[in-house]
Amino acid sequence: MNIKRFKQTQKFRVIIDRVSFFATARQIRWGVGGLSICNAATQKALDALEYTRSGDGIADQCATGIAGTWEGMNVQLDMI
């Protein structure tokens, strides 16, 4: 399966535990802050959303967000 990556300029609302902010796919890939664990968790969430959207089902391809636990942190990504 080929994973369809988001454009660098795709915007997201990011929620990590009780903190929320806005970032682009490029910012998430390069790191959104000084804590490497937060960066890793957010990057894994982005990868998971891209993987989901690359699926064969209509519901998969229409996914606009994802929530889960990565690196022990609760992360939610929503496309804007």
Protein backbone atom coordinates (compact mmCIF):
# COMPACT_ATOMS: atom_id res chain seq x y z
CA MET A 1 0.00 0.00 0.00
CA ASN A 2 1.27 3.45 -0.90
CA ILE A 3 0.80 5.94 1.90
CA LYS A 4 -0.63 9.24 0.69
CA ARG A 5 1.19 12.02 2.53
CA PHE A 6 -0.42 15.34 3.33
CA LYS A 7 0.83 18.46 1.61
CA GLN A 8 3.28 20.43 3.74
CA THR A 9 0.73 23.25 4.06
CA GLN A 10 -2.16 21.11 5.35
CA LYS A 11 -3.32 22.66 8.65
CA PHE A 12 -4.27 20.72 11.76
CA ARG A 13 -5.65 21.39 15.19
CA VAL A 14 -3.46 19.41 17.57
CA ILE A 15 -4.55 18.43 21.07
CA ILE A 16 -2.01 16.83 23.38
CA ASP A 17 -3.53 15.98 26.74
CA ARG A 18 -5.05 19.35 27.78
CA VAL A 19 -3.09 21.62 25.43
CA SER A 20 -4.25 22.56 21.94
CA PHE A 21 -2.63 24.51 19.12
CA PHE A 22 -2.61 24.78 15.34
CA ALA A 23 0.19 23.45 13.13
CA THR A 24 0.88 22.48 9.54
CA ALA A 25 1.97 19.03 8.42
CA ARG A 26 5.45 20.45 7.87
CA GLN A 27 5.63 21.84 11.40
CA ILE A 28 4.51 18.51 12.83
CA ARG A 29 7.11 16.63 10.80
CA TRP A 30 9.90 18.99 11.93
CA GLY A 31 8.73 19.19 15.55
CA VAL A 32 6.17 21.38 17.25
CA GLY A 33 8.01 22.12 20.47
CA GLY A 34 10.95 21.48 22.72
CA LEU A 35 9.79 18.16 24.19
CA SER A 36 10.88 15.27 22.02
CA ILE A 37 8.18 12.99 23.44
CA CYS A 38 5.46 15.44 22.33
CA ASN A 39 7.05 15.71 18.90
CA ALA A 40 7.25 11.93 18.55
CA ALA A 41 3.64 11.43 19.68
CA THR A 42 2.35 14.08 17.26
CA GLN A 43 4.41 12.70 14.37
CA LYS A 44 3.10 9.18 15.02
CA ALA A 45 -0.47 10.47 15.08
CA LEU A 46 0.13 12.20 11.73
CA ASP A 47 1.57 8.99 10.27
CA ALA A 48 -1.43 7.02 11.57
CA LEU A 49 -3.88 9.47 9.98
CA GLU A 50 -2.02 9.35 6.66
CA TYR A 51 -2.04 5.55 6.80
CA THR A 52 -5.77 5.51 7.58
CA ARG A 53 -6.56 7.86 4.69
CA SER A 54 -4.56 5.61 2.34
CA GLY A 55 -6.94 2.68 2.97
CA ASP A 56 -9.31 1.11 0.47
CA GLY A 57 -12.59 1.92 2.20
CA ILE A 58 -14.61 5.10 1.65
CA ALA A 59 -14.69 5.75 5.41
CA ASP A 60 -10.90 5.45 5.57
CA GLN A 61 -10.30 7.86 2.71
CA CYS A 62 -12.74 10.40 4.19
CA ALA A 63 -11.16 10.42 7.68
CA THR A 64 -10.47 13.99 8.79
CA GLY A 65 -8.97 13.29 12.17
CA ILE A 66 -7.60 10.73 14.55
CA ALA A 67 -7.28 10.30 18.31
CA GLY A 68 -5.19 7.86 20.26
CA THR A 69 -2.31 7.34 22.64
CA TRP A 70 1.23 7.55 21.34
CA GLU A 71 4.35 7.72 23.49
CA GLY A 72 2.01 7.55 26.52
CA MET A 73 0.32 10.83 25.56
CA ASN A 74 -3.26 11.40 24.44
CA VAL A 75 -3.13 13.02 21.01
CA GLN A 76 -5.90 14.21 18.71
CA LEU A 77 -5.33 15.59 15.20
CA ASP A 78 -8.10 17.27 13.22
CA MET A 79 -7.72 18.56 9.68
CA ILE A 80 -8.72 22.18 9.18
